[in-house]
Amino acid sequence: MMVKVRVIPRSRKSAVIDLGKSLLKVRVLSPPTDNRANNELIEVLARYYNTSKSSIKIRRGLKSRVKLVEIED
């Protein structure tokens, strides 16, 4: 499954907001340096979808706030 994700780094708390039609807004605590926000994004999505971190991959937008994420079933 492919999901478009809008990431908001340096938030007060981690949260996933479902905007419908395979579109999510994800708040992460980490800053967008040294790939820390991307790693936390994967952890948050793994908890949200109740799957392992290894089944989640960022396909597009590694250095962008808007990302295309693949979640393997």
C-alpha atoms as a PDB file:
ATOM      1  CA  MET A   1       0.000   0.000   0.000  1.00  0.00           C
ATOM      2  CA  MET A   2       1.318   3.449  -0.908  1.00  0.00           C
ATOM      3  CA  VAL A   3       0.538   6.382   1.383  1.00  0.00           C
ATOM      4  CA  LYS A   4       1.278  10.066   0.915  1.00  0.00           C
ATOM      5  CA  VAL A   5       2.573  11.539   4.181  1.00  0.00           C
ATOM      6  CA  ARG A   6       3.034  15.159   5.265  1.00  0.00           C
ATOM      7  CA  VAL A   7       5.614  15.245   8.078  1.00  0.00           C
ATOM      8  CA  ILE A   8       5.739  17.973  10.716  1.00  0.00           C
ATOM      9  CA  PRO A   9       9.066  17.747  12.593  1.00  0.00           C
ATOM     10  CA  ARG A  10       9.794  19.183  16.058  1.00  0.00           C
ATOM     11  CA  SER A  11       6.215  18.772  17.266  1.00  0.00           C
ATOM     12  CA  ARG A  12       5.289  18.618  20.927  1.00  0.00           C
ATOM     13  CA  LYS A  13       4.057  15.034  20.613  1.00  0.00           C
ATOM     14  CA  SER A  14       4.027  12.263  18.023  1.00  0.00           C
ATOM     15  CA  ALA A  15       0.670  11.808  16.308  1.00  0.00           C
ATOM     16  CA  VAL A  16      -0.898  10.475  13.123  1.00  0.00           C
ATOM     17  CA  ILE A  17      -3.823  12.364  11.607  1.00  0.00           C
ATOM     18  CA  ASP A  18      -5.747  10.532   8.878  1.00  0.00           C
ATOM     19  CA  LEU A  19      -6.853  12.965   6.178  1.00  0.00           C
ATOM     20  CA  GLY A  20      -8.500  10.265   4.027  1.00  0.00           C
ATOM     21  CA  LYS A  21      -7.715   8.907   0.538  1.00  0.00           C
ATOM     22  CA  SER A  22      -4.267   7.497   1.487  1.00  0.00           C
ATOM     23  CA  LEU A  23      -3.143  10.827   2.909  1.00  0.00           C
ATOM     24  CA  LEU A  24      -1.703  11.207   6.410  1.00  0.00           C
ATOM     25  CA  LYS A  25      -0.309  14.057   8.458  1.00  0.00           C
ATOM     26  CA  VAL A  26       2.318  12.803  10.906  1.00  0.00           C
ATOM     27  CA  ARG A  27       3.800  14.855  13.736  1.00  0.00           C
ATOM     28  CA  VAL A  28       7.197  13.747  15.050  1.00  0.00           C
ATOM     29  CA  LEU A  29       9.294  15.004  17.951  1.00  0.00           C
ATOM     30  CA  SER A  30      12.651  14.746  16.178  1.00  0.00           C
ATOM     31  CA  PRO A  31      14.279  17.521  14.148  1.00  0.00           C
ATOM     32  CA  PRO A  32      14.860  16.968  10.424  1.00  0.00           C
ATOM     33  CA  THR A  33      18.634  16.528  10.841  1.00  0.00           C
ATOM     34  CA  ASP A  34      20.727  13.379  10.450  1.00  0.00           C
ATOM     35  CA  ASN A  35      17.688  11.418   9.211  1.00  0.00           C
ATOM     36  CA  ARG A  36      16.207  11.418  12.733  1.00  0.00           C
ATOM     37  CA  ALA A  37      12.736  12.619  11.664  1.00  0.00           C
ATOM     38  CA  ASN A  38      12.568   9.920   8.956  1.00  0.00           C
ATOM     39  CA  ASN A  39      13.521   7.208  11.458  1.00  0.00           C
ATOM     40  CA  GLU A  40      10.901   8.406  13.917  1.00  0.00           C
ATOM     41  CA  LEU A  41       8.341   8.586  11.094  1.00  0.00           C
ATOM     42  CA  ILE A  42       8.928   4.901  10.363  1.00  0.00           C
ATOM     43  CA  GLU A  43       8.537   4.035  14.066  1.00  0.00           C
ATOM     44  CA  VAL A  44       5.296   6.029  14.380  1.00  0.00           C
ATOM     45  CA  LEU A  45       3.811   4.494  11.220  1.00  0.00           C
ATOM     46  CA  ALA A  46       4.796   0.994  12.376  1.00  0.00           C
ATOM     47  CA  ARG A  47       2.841   1.529  15.603  1.00  0.00           C
ATOM     48  CA  TYR A  48      -0.111   3.094  13.728  1.00  0.00           C
ATOM     49  CA  TYR A  49      -0.419   0.230  11.230  1.00  0.00           C
ATOM     50  CA  ASN A  50       0.607  -2.416  13.788  1.00  0.00           C
ATOM     51  CA  THR A  51       3.412  -3.777  11.620  1.00  0.00           C
ATOM     52  CA  SER A  52       7.194  -4.086  11.776  1.00  0.00           C
ATOM     53  CA  LYS A  53       9.520  -1.190  10.992  1.00  0.00           C
ATOM     54  CA  SER A  54      11.199  -3.226   8.243  1.00  0.00           C
ATOM     55  CA  SER A  55       7.950  -3.367   6.246  1.00  0.00           C
ATOM     56  CA  ILE A  56       7.817   0.434   5.918  1.00  0.00           C
ATOM     57  CA  LYS A  57       9.942   2.186   3.301  1.00  0.00           C
ATOM     58  CA  ILE A  58      10.150   5.803   2.186  1.00  0.00           C
ATOM     59  CA  ARG A  59       9.979   5.659  -1.605  1.00  0.00           C
ATOM     60  CA  ARG A  60      10.037   9.386  -2.444  1.00  0.00           C
ATOM     61  CA  GLY A  61      10.789  12.600  -0.587  1.00  0.00           C
ATOM     62  CA  LEU A  62      13.603  11.563   1.737  1.00  0.00           C
ATOM     63  CA  LYS A  63      14.577  15.219   2.250  1.00  0.00           C
ATOM     64  CA  SER A  64      11.104  16.682   1.800  1.00  0.00           C
ATOM     65  CA  ARG A  65       8.212  17.146   4.209  1.00  0.00           C
ATOM     66  CA  VAL A  66       5.870  15.417   1.747  1.00  0.00           C
ATOM     67  CA  LYS A  67       6.818  11.772   1.311  1.00  0.00           C
ATOM     68  CA  LEU A  68       5.531   8.724  -0.486  1.00  0.00           C
ATOM     69  CA  VAL A  69       5.687   5.750   1.891  1.00  0.00           C
ATOM     70  CA  GLU A  70       5.213   2.085   0.992  1.00  0.00           C
ATOM     71  CA  ILE A  71       3.752  -0.214   3.629  1.00  0.00           C
ATOM     72  CA  GLU A  72       4.066  -3.921   2.867  1.00  0.00           C
ATOM     73  CA  ASP A  73       1.285  -6.188   4.136  1.00  0.00           C
END
